[in-house]
Amino acid sequence: MPKMTRSVEEVDAVRDQILDCAFKIIVKNGYESLSMAKIGSKMKMTAANIYNYYASKDELLIAIHKKAFIMLYDKINYDVEMTDTPLDRCKKMAYAFVEFGTNNINIYDIMFNRPIRQHSDYIGTPQEEISFDEFRSSLKGLFYAIKIIKEYRETRPDLNPGDPKFLAIQSISALHGIISLQNSGILYQISDDPDITLKTIIDNAMSCVTG
């Protein structure tokens, strides 16, 4: 544990600095480049000292995940709340998700692609509580998407109401596919006009919601 002479606020400030440093390493060089030793080197701390603030790399990764999903939620929420109609809110939600994924390639990779431990893996471990907190943060975006979809479907009595949660998962799956094509560079190899293709696929992905 950190030295008792430090206040809770001071300890939290150092934890935030470590988290920010880890984020910058991932953004610049990807998940493979992240290590406690590299964080320590950049922060002029020993790796052993970092373990005073994060008991394990797993604990740090949980904090990274939580921060990333909060960033994603804030991005989608901000863009959606700038629109007026339920239809525009659905579309803006999809474009915000793709924009986040393609503008934060290495962060998106660790959020959605890496086979890292999930909340269920931490049950019964010292990290169970903080993992559950991160899990709730990651679900916040899904619940928001369900809300937006439900509100739109209620304006369309001509459509089958459907299951908003299923429609949200279906949309996320399709959007994840186009983000992966974009981030890998494959889209630029197989499409004559990648920008138009990206937009068309986003619109098509949301057609299961918008009808």
N, C-alpha and C. Protein backbone atom coordinates (compact mmCIF):
# COMPACT_ATOMS: atom_id res chain seq x y z
N MET A 1 0.84 -1.19 0.00
CA MET A 1 0.00 0.00 0.00
C MET A 1 0.89 1.25 0.00
N PRO A 2 0.34 2.39 -0.52
CA PRO A 2 1.11 3.64 -0.49
C PRO A 2 1.39 4.07 0.95
N LYS A 3 2.43 4.87 1.11
CA LYS A 3 2.82 5.32 2.44
C LYS A 3 1.65 6.03 3.12
N MET A 4 1.48 5.76 4.41
CA MET A 4 0.37 6.32 5.16
C MET A 4 0.49 7.83 5.33
N THR A 5 1.68 8.39 5.10
CA THR A 5 1.85 9.83 5.24
C THR A 5 1.16 10.57 4.11
N ARG A 6 0.82 9.88 3.04
CA ARG A 6 0.10 10.50 1.94
C ARG A 6 -1.40 10.52 2.24
N SER A 7 -2.05 11.62 1.87
CA SER A 7 -3.50 11.68 2.02
C SER A 7 -4.16 10.86 0.93
N VAL A 8 -5.43 10.58 1.11
CA VAL A 8 -6.19 9.85 0.10
C VAL A 8 -6.17 10.61 -1.22
N GLU A 9 -6.30 11.92 -1.13
CA GLU A 9 -6.30 12.74 -2.34
C GLU A 9 -4.96 12.64 -3.08
N GLU A 10 -3.87 12.64 -2.32
CA GLU A 10 -2.54 12.53 -2.93
C GLU A 10 -2.35 11.17 -3.59
N VAL A 11 -2.81 10.12 -2.93
CA VAL A 11 -2.71 8.78 -3.49
C VAL A 11 -3.52 8.69 -4.78
N ASP A 12 -4.75 9.22 -4.75
CA ASP A 12 -5.60 9.20 -5.95
C ASP A 12 -4.98 9.99 -7.09
N ALA A 13 -4.31 11.09 -6.76
CA ALA A 13 -3.67 11.91 -7.79
C ALA A 13 -2.56 11.12 -8.47
N VAL A 14 -1.76 10.40 -7.69
CA VAL A 14 -0.68 9.60 -8.28
C VAL A 14 -1.26 8.45 -9.11
N ARG A 15 -2.33 7.83 -8.61
CA ARG A 15 -2.99 6.76 -9.37
C ARG A 15 -3.48 7.29 -10.73
N ASP A 16 -4.04 8.49 -10.71
CA ASP A 16 -4.51 9.09 -11.96
C ASP A 16 -3.34 9.36 -12.91
N GLN A 17 -2.22 9.80 -12.36
CA GLN A 17 -1.03 10.07 -13.18
C GLN A 17 -0.52 8.78 -13.82
N ILE A 18 -0.51 7.70 -13.05
CA ILE A 18 -0.08 6.40 -13.57
C ILE A 18 -1.04 5.94 -14.67
N LEU A 19 -2.33 6.10 -14.43
CA LEU A 19 -3.33 5.70 -15.42
C LEU A 19 -3.17 6.51 -16.71
N ASP A 20 -2.97 7.81 -16.57
CA ASP A 20 -2.78 8.66 -17.75
C ASP A 20 -1.53 8.24 -18.52
N CYS A 21 -0.48 7.92 -17.81
CA CYS A 21 0.77 7.50 -18.44
C CYS A 21 0.55 6.19 -19.19
N ALA A 22 -0.14 5.24 -18.57
CA ALA A 22 -0.43 3.97 -19.23
C ALA A 22 -1.26 4.18 -20.48
N PHE A 23 -2.22 5.08 -20.40
CA PHE A 23 -3.06 5.40 -21.55
C PHE A 23 -2.22 5.93 -22.70
N LYS A 24 -1.31 6.83 -22.40
CA LYS A 24 -0.48 7.43 -23.44
C LYS A 24 0.40 6.39 -24.11
N ILE A 25 0.91 5.46 -23.33
CA ILE A 25 1.74 4.39 -23.89
C ILE A 25 0.92 3.54 -24.86
N ILE A 26 -0.30 3.18 -24.46
CA ILE A 26 -1.15 2.37 -25.32
C ILE A 26 -1.54 3.13 -26.58
N VAL A 27 -1.91 4.39 -26.43
CA VAL A 27 -2.31 5.20 -27.59
C VAL A 27 -1.18 5.29 -28.61
N LYS A 28 0.03 5.46 -28.13
CA LYS A 28 1.17 5.65 -29.02
C LYS A 28 1.69 4.35 -29.60
N ASN A 29 1.80 3.30 -28.78
CA ASN A 29 2.51 2.09 -29.21
C ASN A 29 1.70 0.80 -29.11
N GLY A 30 0.48 0.87 -28.60
CA GLY A 30 -0.34 -0.34 -28.50
C GLY A 30 -0.18 -1.07 -27.19
N TYR A 31 -1.07 -2.04 -26.98
CA TYR A 31 -1.13 -2.77 -25.72
C TYR A 31 0.15 -3.54 -25.43
N GLU A 32 0.78 -4.11 -26.47
CA GLU A 32 1.98 -4.93 -26.26
C GLU A 32 3.11 -4.16 -25.60
N SER A 33 3.10 -2.85 -25.79
CA SER A 33 4.20 -2.03 -25.27
C SER A 33 4.01 -1.65 -23.80
N LEU A 34 2.86 -1.98 -23.23
CA LEU A 34 2.58 -1.57 -21.86
C LEU A 34 3.24 -2.49 -20.85
N SER A 35 3.97 -1.90 -19.93
CA SER A 35 4.56 -2.66 -18.82
C SER A 35 4.74 -1.72 -17.64
N MET A 36 4.77 -2.29 -16.46
CA MET A 36 4.99 -1.49 -15.27
C MET A 36 6.36 -0.81 -15.32
N ALA A 37 7.34 -1.51 -15.89
CA ALA A 37 8.68 -0.94 -15.98
C ALA A 37 8.69 0.29 -16.87
N LYS A 38 7.97 0.21 -17.99
CA LYS A 38 7.94 1.36 -18.91
C LYS A 38 7.20 2.53 -18.28
N ILE A 39 6.11 2.25 -17.58
CA ILE A 39 5.40 3.33 -16.88
C ILE A 39 6.33 3.97 -15.85
N GLY A 40 7.03 3.12 -15.08
CA GLY A 40 7.95 3.64 -14.07
C GLY A 40 9.03 4.51 -14.67
N SER A 41 9.57 4.08 -15.81
CA SER A 41 10.62 4.85 -16.47
C SER A 41 10.13 6.24 -16.87
N LYS A 42 8.91 6.29 -17.41
CA LYS A 42 8.37 7.57 -17.86
C LYS A 42 8.00 8.47 -16.69
N MET A 43 7.63 7.86 -15.56
CA MET A 43 7.21 8.65 -14.42
C MET A 43 8.33 8.87 -13.40
N LYS A 44 9.53 8.38 -13.72
CA LYS A 44 10.66 8.51 -12.80
C LYS A 44 10.37 7.82 -11.47
N MET A 45 9.74 6.65 -11.60
CA MET A 45 9.43 5.83 -10.43
C MET A 45 9.94 4.43 -10.69
N THR A 46 10.16 3.67 -9.63
CA THR A 46 10.50 2.26 -9.81
C THR A 46 9.21 1.47 -10.07
N ALA A 47 9.35 0.36 -10.77
CA ALA A 47 8.19 -0.49 -10.99
C ALA A 47 7.60 -0.96 -9.66
N ALA A 48 8.47 -1.21 -8.70
CA ALA A 48 8.00 -1.64 -7.38
C ALA A 48 7.14 -0.57 -6.73
N ASN A 49 7.48 0.68 -6.94
CA ASN A 49 6.70 1.78 -6.36
C ASN A 49 5.32 1.87 -7.01
N ILE A 50 5.25 1.59 -8.30
CA ILE A 50 3.95 1.62 -8.98
C ILE A 50 3.01 0.58 -8.38
N TYR A 51 3.58 -0.55 -7.97
CA TYR A 51 2.74 -1.59 -7.36
C TYR A 51 2.18 -1.15 -6.01
N ASN A 52 2.69 -0.06 -5.46
CA ASN A 52 2.10 0.50 -4.26
C ASN A 52 0.75 1.16 -4.56
N TYR A 53 0.54 1.52 -5.83
CA TYR A 53 -0.69 2.21 -6.23
C TYR A 53 -1.64 1.31 -7.02
N TYR A 54 -1.07 0.41 -7.78
CA TYR A 54 -1.86 -0.62 -8.47
C TYR A 54 -1.24 -1.96 -8.12
N ALA A 55 -1.97 -2.78 -7.40
CA ALA A 55 -1.41 -4.01 -6.83
C ALA A 55 -0.95 -5.00 -7.88
N SER A 56 -1.47 -4.89 -9.11
CA SER A 56 -1.09 -5.80 -10.19
C SER A 56 -1.37 -5.12 -11.53
N LYS A 57 -0.82 -5.69 -12.58
CA LYS A 57 -1.11 -5.18 -13.91
C LYS A 57 -2.59 -5.36 -14.23
N ASP A 58 -3.18 -6.45 -13.74
CA ASP A 58 -4.61 -6.67 -13.93
C ASP A 58 -5.41 -5.50 -13.37
N GLU A 59 -5.04 -5.05 -12.18
CA GLU A 59 -5.76 -3.94 -11.56
C GLU A 59 -5.65 -2.68 -12.41
N LEU A 60 -4.48 -2.45 -12.98
CA LEU A 60 -4.29 -1.30 -13.85
C LEU A 60 -5.12 -1.44 -15.13
N LEU A 61 -5.17 -2.64 -15.69
CA LEU A 61 -5.94 -2.86 -16.91
C LEU A 61 -7.43 -2.64 -16.67
N ILE A 62 -7.90 -3.01 -15.49
CA ILE A 62 -9.30 -2.76 -15.15
C ILE A 62 -9.56 -1.26 -15.15
N ALA A 63 -8.65 -0.49 -14.57
CA ALA A 63 -8.80 0.97 -14.55
C ALA A 63 -8.74 1.55 -15.96
N ILE A 64 -7.87 1.00 -16.80
CA ILE A 64 -7.77 1.45 -18.19
C ILE A 64 -9.08 1.19 -18.92
N HIS A 65 -9.63 0.00 -18.75
CA HIS A 65 -10.91 -0.35 -19.37
C HIS A 65 -12.01 0.61 -18.92
N LYS A 66 -12.08 0.86 -17.63
CA LYS A 66 -13.12 1.74 -17.11
C LYS A 66 -13.01 3.13 -17.73
N LYS A 67 -11.80 3.67 -17.77
CA LYS A 67 -11.60 5.00 -18.34
C LYS A 67 -11.99 5.02 -19.81
N ALA A 68 -11.62 3.97 -20.55
CA ALA A 68 -11.91 3.92 -21.98
C ALA A 68 -13.41 3.89 -22.25
N PHE A 69 -14.14 3.09 -21.48
CA PHE A 69 -15.59 3.00 -21.71
C PHE A 69 -16.30 4.27 -21.27
N ILE A 70 -15.78 4.96 -20.29
CA ILE A 70 -16.33 6.26 -19.91
C ILE A 70 -16.12 7.25 -21.05
N MET A 71 -14.93 7.22 -21.65
CA MET A 71 -14.65 8.09 -22.80
C MET A 71 -15.62 7.81 -23.95
N LEU A 72 -15.86 6.54 -24.23
CA LEU A 72 -16.77 6.17 -25.31
C LEU A 72 -18.19 6.66 -25.00
N TYR A 73 -18.65 6.43 -23.79
CA TYR A 73 -19.99 6.88 -23.42
C TYR A 73 -20.10 8.40 -23.54
N ASP A 74 -19.11 9.12 -23.03
CA ASP A 74 -19.15 10.59 -23.08
C ASP A 74 -19.20 11.09 -24.51
N LYS A 75 -18.44 10.44 -25.41
CA LYS A 75 -18.43 10.82 -26.82
C LYS A 75 -19.82 10.63 -27.44
N ILE A 76 -20.40 9.45 -27.24
CA ILE A 76 -21.70 9.16 -27.83
C ILE A 76 -22.77 10.06 -27.22
N ASN A 77 -22.76 10.20 -25.91
CA ASN A 77 -23.76 11.03 -25.23
C ASN A 77 -23.70 12.47 -25.71
N TYR A 78 -22.49 13.02 -25.85
CA TYR A 78 -22.34 14.41 -26.28
C TYR A 78 -22.89 14.60 -27.70
N ASP A 79 -22.53 13.70 -28.61
CA ASP A 79 -22.97 13.83 -29.99
C ASP A 79 -24.47 13.64 -30.12
N VAL A 80 -25.01 12.66 -29.40
CA VAL A 80 -26.44 12.40 -29.49
C VAL A 80 -27.25 13.56 -28.93
N GLU A 81 -26.81 14.11 -27.82
CA GLU A 81 -27.57 15.19 -27.18
C GLU A 81 -27.54 16.48 -27.99
N MET A 82 -26.70 16.55 -29.01
CA MET A 82 -26.67 17.72 -29.88
C MET A 82 -27.71 17.64 -30.99
N THR A 83 -28.44 16.52 -31.07
CA THR A 83 -29.44 16.33 -32.12
C THR A 83 -30.84 16.44 -31.53
N ASP A 84 -31.83 16.53 -32.44
CA ASP A 84 -33.19 16.80 -32.00
C ASP A 84 -34.14 15.61 -32.15
N THR A 85 -34.16 14.99 -33.33
CA THR A 85 -35.17 13.97 -33.59
C THR A 85 -34.67 12.58 -33.19
N PRO A 86 -35.58 11.69 -32.86
CA PRO A 86 -35.19 10.32 -32.50
C PRO A 86 -34.41 9.62 -33.62
N LEU A 87 -34.76 9.87 -34.88
CA LEU A 87 -34.03 9.27 -35.99
C LEU A 87 -32.60 9.78 -36.05
N ASP A 88 -32.44 11.09 -35.91
CA ASP A 88 -31.09 11.67 -35.94
C ASP A 88 -30.27 11.19 -34.76
N ARG A 89 -30.91 10.95 -33.63
CA ARG A 89 -30.19 10.48 -32.45
C ARG A 89 -29.65 9.07 -32.69
N CYS A 90 -30.44 8.22 -33.35
CA CYS A 90 -29.98 6.88 -33.69
C CYS A 90 -28.78 6.94 -34.62
N LYS A 91 -28.89 7.76 -35.65
CA LYS A 91 -27.80 7.86 -36.63
C LYS A 91 -26.54 8.44 -36.00
N LYS A 92 -26.73 9.48 -35.21
CA LYS A 92 -25.57 10.13 -34.58
C LYS A 92 -24.88 9.17 -33.61
N MET A 93 -25.66 8.34 -32.92
CA MET A 93 -25.09 7.35 -32.01
C MET A 93 -24.16 6.40 -32.76
N ALA A 94 -24.60 5.94 -33.93
CA ALA A 94 -23.79 5.02 -34.73
C ALA A 94 -22.52 5.69 -35.22
N TYR A 95 -22.65 6.90 -35.75
CA TYR A 95 -21.47 7.61 -36.28
C TYR A 95 -20.49 7.95 -35.16
N ALA A 96 -21.01 8.28 -33.97
CA ALA A 96 -20.12 8.59 -32.85
C ALA A 96 -19.33 7.37 -32.43
N PHE A 97 -19.98 6.21 -32.42
CA PHE A 97 -19.30 4.97 -32.06
C PHE A 97 -18.17 4.66 -33.04
N VAL A 98 -18.47 4.78 -34.34
CA VAL A 98 -17.46 4.50 -35.35
C VAL A 98 -16.33 5.53 -35.29
N GLU A 99 -16.69 6.78 -35.08
CA GLU A 99 -15.66 7.83 -34.99
C GLU A 99 -14.73 7.58 -33.82
N PHE A 100 -15.29 7.18 -32.68
CA PHE A 100 -14.45 6.87 -31.53
C PHE A 100 -13.52 5.71 -31.86
N GLY A 101 -14.07 4.65 -32.46
CA GLY A 101 -13.28 3.47 -32.74
C GLY A 101 -12.16 3.70 -33.74
N THR A 102 -12.41 4.54 -34.74
CA THR A 102 -11.40 4.78 -35.77
C THR A 102 -10.41 5.89 -35.39
N ASN A 103 -10.78 6.71 -34.42
CA ASN A 103 -9.87 7.78 -33.96
C ASN A 103 -9.03 7.36 -32.77
N ASN A 104 -9.38 6.22 -32.16
CA ASN A 104 -8.66 5.73 -30.97
C ASN A 104 -8.33 4.26 -31.17
N ILE A 105 -7.54 3.98 -32.20
CA ILE A 105 -7.34 2.61 -32.66
C ILE A 105 -6.82 1.69 -31.55
N ASN A 106 -5.77 2.10 -30.88
CA ASN A 106 -5.17 1.21 -29.87
C ASN A 106 -6.03 1.08 -28.62
N ILE A 107 -6.76 2.14 -28.28
CA ILE A 107 -7.67 2.07 -27.13
C ILE A 107 -8.85 1.16 -27.49
N TYR A 108 -9.40 1.35 -28.69
CA TYR A 108 -10.52 0.51 -29.13
C TYR A 108 -10.09 -0.96 -29.16
N ASP A 109 -8.86 -1.20 -29.57
CA ASP A 109 -8.35 -2.56 -29.66
C ASP A 109 -8.39 -3.26 -28.30
N ILE A 110 -7.96 -2.56 -27.27
CA ILE A 110 -7.93 -3.18 -25.94
C ILE A 110 -9.34 -3.31 -25.36
N MET A 111 -10.27 -2.47 -25.83
CA MET A 111 -11.65 -2.54 -25.35
C MET A 111 -12.42 -3.70 -25.97
N PHE A 112 -12.22 -3.93 -27.26
CA PHE A 112 -13.10 -4.84 -27.99
C PHE A 112 -12.42 -6.03 -28.67
N ASN A 113 -11.12 -5.99 -28.80
CA ASN A 113 -10.45 -7.05 -29.56
C ASN A 113 -9.58 -7.97 -28.72
N ARG A 114 -8.99 -7.44 -27.67
CA ARG A 114 -8.01 -8.21 -26.91
C ARG A 114 -8.69 -9.26 -26.02
N PRO A 115 -8.19 -10.49 -26.00
CA PRO A 115 -8.76 -11.54 -25.14
C PRO A 115 -8.26 -11.40 -23.70
N ILE A 116 -8.57 -10.27 -23.08
CA ILE A 116 -8.14 -10.06 -21.71
C ILE A 116 -9.24 -10.53 -20.76
N ARG A 117 -8.92 -10.63 -19.50
CA ARG A 117 -9.86 -11.18 -18.52
C ARG A 117 -11.10 -10.29 -18.40
N GLN A 118 -12.26 -10.94 -18.27
CA GLN A 118 -13.53 -10.26 -18.13
C GLN A 118 -13.96 -10.28 -16.66
N HIS A 119 -15.06 -9.56 -16.37
CA HIS A 119 -15.51 -9.47 -14.98
C HIS A 119 -15.75 -10.84 -14.36
N SER A 120 -16.34 -11.76 -15.11
CA SER A 120 -16.63 -13.08 -14.57
C SER A 120 -15.37 -13.82 -14.15
N ASP A 121 -14.23 -13.46 -14.76
CA ASP A 121 -12.96 -14.11 -14.40
C ASP A 121 -12.44 -13.63 -13.04
N TYR A 122 -12.93 -12.48 -12.58
CA TYR A 122 -12.42 -11.91 -11.34
C TYR A 122 -13.28 -12.25 -10.13
N ILE A 123 -14.40 -12.91 -10.35
CA ILE A 123 -15.27 -13.26 -9.23
C ILE A 123 -14.51 -14.16 -8.25
N GLY A 124 -14.52 -13.78 -6.99
CA GLY A 124 -13.81 -14.54 -5.97
C GLY A 124 -12.36 -14.14 -5.80
N THR A 125 -11.94 -13.08 -6.52
CA THR A 125 -10.56 -12.59 -6.42
C THR A 125 -10.56 -11.22 -5.75
N PRO A 126 -9.38 -10.72 -5.34
CA PRO A 126 -9.32 -9.39 -4.73
C PRO A 126 -9.77 -8.27 -5.67
N GLN A 127 -9.78 -8.55 -6.98
CA GLN A 127 -10.17 -7.53 -7.96
C GLN A 127 -11.67 -7.56 -8.30
N GLU A 128 -12.43 -8.41 -7.61
CA GLU A 128 -13.85 -8.57 -7.99
C GLU A 128 -14.62 -7.25 -7.90
N GLU A 129 -14.43 -6.49 -6.84
CA GLU A 129 -15.21 -5.27 -6.65
C GLU A 129 -14.88 -4.22 -7.71
N ILE A 130 -13.60 -3.98 -7.95
CA ILE A 130 -13.24 -2.96 -8.93
C ILE A 130 -13.57 -3.43 -10.35
N SER A 131 -13.52 -4.74 -10.56
CA SER A 131 -13.90 -5.27 -11.86
C SER A 131 -15.39 -5.07 -12.12
N PHE A 132 -16.21 -5.26 -11.08
CA PHE A 132 -17.64 -5.05 -11.23
C PHE A 132 -17.94 -3.58 -11.51
N ASP A 133 -17.20 -2.69 -10.87
CA ASP A 133 -17.36 -1.26 -11.13
C ASP A 133 -17.04 -0.94 -12.58
N GLU A 134 -15.96 -1.53 -13.11
CA GLU A 134 -15.60 -1.34 -14.52
C GLU A 134 -16.67 -1.92 -15.43
N PHE A 135 -17.20 -3.09 -15.07
CA PHE A 135 -18.23 -3.76 -15.87
C PHE A 135 -19.47 -2.87 -15.99
N ARG A 136 -19.86 -2.25 -14.89
CA ARG A 136 -21.01 -1.34 -14.92
C ARG A 136 -20.74 -0.15 -15.84
N SER A 137 -19.52 0.35 -15.83
CA SER A 137 -19.17 1.46 -16.72
C SER A 137 -19.26 1.04 -18.18
N SER A 138 -18.82 -0.18 -18.47
CA SER A 138 -18.85 -0.65 -19.85
C SER A 138 -20.27 -0.86 -20.35
N LEU A 139 -21.18 -1.21 -19.43
CA LEU A 139 -22.59 -1.44 -19.81
C LEU A 139 -23.37 -0.14 -19.97
N LYS A 140 -22.84 0.94 -19.45
CA LYS A 140 -23.57 2.21 -19.50
C LYS A 140 -23.85 2.63 -20.94
N GLY A 141 -22.87 2.42 -21.83
CA GLY A 141 -23.06 2.76 -23.23
C GLY A 141 -24.12 1.89 -23.89
N LEU A 142 -24.12 0.60 -23.54
CA LEU A 142 -25.12 -0.32 -24.10
C LEU A 142 -26.52 0.09 -23.65
N PHE A 143 -26.69 0.39 -22.37
CA PHE A 143 -28.00 0.79 -21.87
C PHE A 143 -28.46 2.10 -22.52
N TYR A 144 -27.51 2.98 -22.79
CA TYR A 144 -27.85 4.24 -23.46
C TYR A 144 -28.31 3.96 -24.89
N ALA A 145 -27.63 3.05 -25.58
CA ALA A 145 -28.03 2.69 -26.94
C ALA A 145 -29.43 2.08 -26.94
N ILE A 146 -29.70 1.22 -25.98
CA ILE A 146 -31.03 0.60 -25.86
C ILE A 146 -32.10 1.68 -25.68
N LYS A 147 -31.80 2.67 -24.85
CA LYS A 147 -32.74 3.77 -24.61
C LYS A 147 -33.02 4.55 -25.90
N ILE A 148 -31.97 4.89 -26.63
CA ILE A 148 -32.13 5.66 -27.87
C ILE A 148 -32.94 4.87 -28.89
N ILE A 149 -32.63 3.60 -29.01
CA ILE A 149 -33.34 2.75 -29.97
C ILE A 149 -34.80 2.60 -29.58
N LYS A 150 -35.07 2.39 -28.31
CA LYS A 150 -36.45 2.25 -27.83
C LYS A 150 -37.24 3.51 -28.10
N GLU A 151 -36.65 4.66 -27.84
CA GLU A 151 -37.34 5.93 -28.08
C GLU A 151 -37.68 6.10 -29.56
N TYR A 152 -36.76 5.71 -30.43
CA TYR A 152 -37.04 5.83 -31.86
C TYR A 152 -38.14 4.87 -32.30
N ARG A 153 -38.04 3.62 -31.87
CA ARG A 153 -39.03 2.63 -32.30
C ARG A 153 -40.44 3.01 -31.84
N GLU A 154 -40.54 3.71 -30.74
CA GLU A 154 -41.85 4.16 -30.26
C GLU A 154 -42.46 5.21 -31.16
N THR A 155 -41.64 5.88 -31.98
CA THR A 155 -42.17 6.87 -32.93
C THR A 155 -42.58 6.22 -34.24
N ARG A 156 -42.32 4.92 -34.38
CA ARG A 156 -42.61 4.21 -35.63
C ARG A 156 -43.58 3.05 -35.37
N PRO A 157 -44.88 3.35 -35.23
CA PRO A 157 -45.85 2.28 -35.00
C PRO A 157 -45.97 1.31 -36.17
N ASP A 158 -45.45 1.72 -37.33
CA ASP A 158 -45.50 0.84 -38.50
C ASP A 158 -44.46 -0.27 -38.43
N LEU A 159 -43.50 -0.14 -37.50
CA LEU A 159 -42.45 -1.15 -37.36
C LEU A 159 -42.77 -2.08 -36.19
N ASN A 160 -42.32 -3.31 -36.33
CA ASN A 160 -42.38 -4.23 -35.19
C ASN A 160 -41.50 -3.66 -34.08
N PRO A 161 -42.02 -3.50 -32.86
CA PRO A 161 -41.22 -2.90 -31.78
C PRO A 161 -39.87 -3.59 -31.59
N GLY A 162 -39.88 -4.91 -31.77
CA GLY A 162 -38.63 -5.65 -31.62
C GLY A 162 -38.10 -5.60 -30.20
N ASP A 163 -36.91 -6.13 -30.02
CA ASP A 163 -36.23 -6.12 -28.73
C ASP A 163 -35.10 -5.10 -28.81
N PRO A 164 -35.23 -3.94 -28.16
CA PRO A 164 -34.20 -2.90 -28.26
C PRO A 164 -32.80 -3.38 -27.89
N LYS A 165 -32.71 -4.29 -26.91
CA LYS A 165 -31.39 -4.79 -26.52
C LYS A 165 -30.78 -5.61 -27.66
N PHE A 166 -31.58 -6.48 -28.27
CA PHE A 166 -31.07 -7.27 -29.39
C PHE A 166 -30.67 -6.37 -30.55
N LEU A 167 -31.50 -5.36 -30.85
CA LEU A 167 -31.18 -4.43 -31.94
C LEU A 167 -29.90 -3.66 -31.66
N ALA A 168 -29.68 -3.31 -30.39
CA ALA A 168 -28.45 -2.60 -30.03
C ALA A 168 -27.23 -3.50 -30.24
N ILE A 169 -27.32 -4.76 -29.79
CA ILE A 169 -26.21 -5.69 -29.96
C ILE A 169 -25.96 -5.97 -31.44
N GLN A 170 -27.03 -6.13 -32.21
CA GLN A 170 -26.90 -6.36 -33.65
C GLN A 170 -26.20 -5.18 -34.32
N SER A 171 -26.58 -3.98 -33.96
CA SER A 171 -25.97 -2.77 -34.55
C SER A 171 -24.50 -2.65 -34.17
N ILE A 172 -24.19 -2.88 -32.89
CA ILE A 172 -22.81 -2.80 -32.42
C ILE A 172 -21.94 -3.81 -33.16
N SER A 173 -22.47 -5.01 -33.38
CA SER A 173 -21.71 -6.06 -34.08
C SER A 173 -21.37 -5.62 -35.49
N ALA A 174 -22.35 -5.05 -36.19
CA ALA A 174 -22.11 -4.60 -37.56
C ALA A 174 -21.13 -3.44 -37.59
N LEU A 175 -21.29 -2.50 -36.67
CA LEU A 175 -20.40 -1.35 -36.63
C LEU A 175 -18.98 -1.76 -36.24
N HIS A 176 -18.87 -2.73 -35.35
CA HIS A 176 -17.55 -3.25 -34.96
C HIS A 176 -16.83 -3.82 -36.18
N GLY A 177 -17.57 -4.48 -37.06
CA GLY A 177 -16.96 -5.04 -38.26
C GLY A 177 -16.35 -3.98 -39.15
N ILE A 178 -17.07 -2.89 -39.37
CA ILE A 178 -16.55 -1.84 -40.26
C ILE A 178 -15.40 -1.09 -39.58
N ILE A 179 -15.45 -0.93 -38.25
CA ILE A 179 -14.33 -0.31 -37.54
C ILE A 179 -13.08 -1.17 -37.70
N SER A 180 -13.23 -2.48 -37.59
CA SER A 180 -12.09 -3.39 -37.73
C SER A 180 -11.50 -3.32 -39.13
N LEU A 181 -12.36 -3.26 -40.15
CA LEU A 181 -11.86 -3.14 -41.53
C LEU A 181 -11.11 -1.83 -41.72
N GLN A 182 -11.64 -0.77 -41.15
CA GLN A 182 -11.00 0.54 -41.27
C GLN A 182 -9.66 0.56 -40.54
N ASN A 183 -9.66 0.10 -39.30
CA ASN A 183 -8.45 0.19 -38.49
C ASN A 183 -7.33 -0.71 -38.98
N SER A 184 -7.68 -1.82 -39.60
CA SER A 184 -6.67 -2.75 -40.12
C SER A 184 -6.09 -2.28 -41.45
N GLY A 185 -6.77 -1.31 -42.09
CA GLY A 185 -6.33 -0.85 -43.40
C GLY A 185 -6.91 -1.65 -44.54
N ILE A 186 -7.63 -2.72 -44.24
CA ILE A 186 -8.18 -3.57 -45.29
C ILE A 186 -9.20 -2.83 -46.14
N LEU A 187 -10.00 -1.96 -45.49
CA LEU A 187 -11.03 -1.23 -46.24
C LEU A 187 -10.42 -0.45 -47.39
N TYR A 188 -9.23 0.11 -47.17
CA TYR A 188 -8.59 0.91 -48.22
C TYR A 188 -8.07 0.05 -49.36
N GLN A 189 -7.90 -1.23 -49.10
CA GLN A 189 -7.41 -2.15 -50.13
C GLN A 189 -8.55 -2.70 -50.98
N ILE A 190 -9.74 -2.81 -50.40
CA ILE A 190 -10.82 -3.50 -51.10
C ILE A 190 -11.91 -2.56 -51.61
N SER A 191 -11.85 -1.28 -51.23
CA SER A 191 -12.89 -0.34 -51.66
C SER A 191 -12.29 0.75 -52.53
N ASP A 192 -12.98 1.08 -53.60
CA ASP A 192 -12.53 2.16 -54.48
C ASP A 192 -12.73 3.53 -53.82
N ASP A 193 -13.72 3.63 -52.96
CA ASP A 193 -13.99 4.88 -52.25
C ASP A 193 -14.28 4.55 -50.78
N PRO A 194 -13.25 4.39 -49.96
CA PRO A 194 -13.43 3.96 -48.57
C PRO A 194 -14.37 4.85 -47.76
N ASP A 195 -14.31 6.16 -47.97
CA ASP A 195 -15.15 7.06 -47.19
C ASP A 195 -16.64 6.83 -47.47
N ILE A 196 -16.98 6.69 -48.75
CA ILE A 196 -18.37 6.42 -49.12
C ILE A 196 -18.79 5.05 -48.62
N THR A 197 -17.90 4.08 -48.76
CA THR A 197 -18.20 2.73 -48.28
C THR A 197 -18.46 2.72 -46.78
N LEU A 198 -17.62 3.44 -46.02
CA LEU A 198 -17.78 3.52 -44.57
C LEU A 198 -19.15 4.09 -44.22
N LYS A 199 -19.51 5.19 -44.85
CA LYS A 199 -20.80 5.84 -44.56
C LYS A 199 -21.96 4.92 -44.93
N THR A 200 -21.87 4.27 -46.08
CA THR A 200 -22.96 3.40 -46.52
C THR A 200 -23.16 2.22 -45.59
N ILE A 201 -22.04 1.65 -45.13
CA ILE A 201 -22.15 0.50 -44.23
C ILE A 201 -22.71 0.93 -42.87
N ILE A 202 -22.33 2.10 -42.40
CA ILE A 202 -22.90 2.60 -41.14
C ILE A 202 -24.41 2.75 -41.27
N ASP A 203 -24.84 3.37 -42.37
CA ASP A 203 -26.28 3.56 -42.58
C ASP A 203 -26.99 2.21 -42.69
N ASN A 204 -26.39 1.27 -43.42
CA ASN A 204 -26.99 -0.04 -43.56
C ASN A 204 -27.05 -0.79 -42.24
N ALA A 205 -26.00 -0.60 -41.42
CA ALA A 205 -25.96 -1.27 -40.13
C ALA A 205 -27.10 -0.81 -39.24
N MET A 206 -27.48 0.44 -39.39
CA MET A 206 -28.57 0.99 -38.56
C MET A 206 -29.94 0.75 -39.15
N SER A 207 -30.00 0.19 -40.35
CA SER A 207 -31.31 -0.03 -40.97
C SER A 207 -32.14 -1.05 -40.19
N CYS A 208 -31.47 -1.93 -39.46
CA CYS A 208 -32.21 -2.89 -38.63
C CYS A 208 -32.96 -2.16 -37.52
N VAL A 209 -32.49 -0.95 -37.18
CA VAL A 209 -33.14 -0.14 -36.15
C VAL A 209 -34.13 0.84 -36.77
N THR A 210 -33.69 1.53 -37.84
CA THR A 210 -34.48 2.62 -38.38
C THR A 210 -35.53 2.15 -39.38
N GLY A 211 -35.41 0.92 -39.88
CA GLY A 211 -36.41 0.39 -40.82
C GLY A 211 -36.20 0.85 -42.25
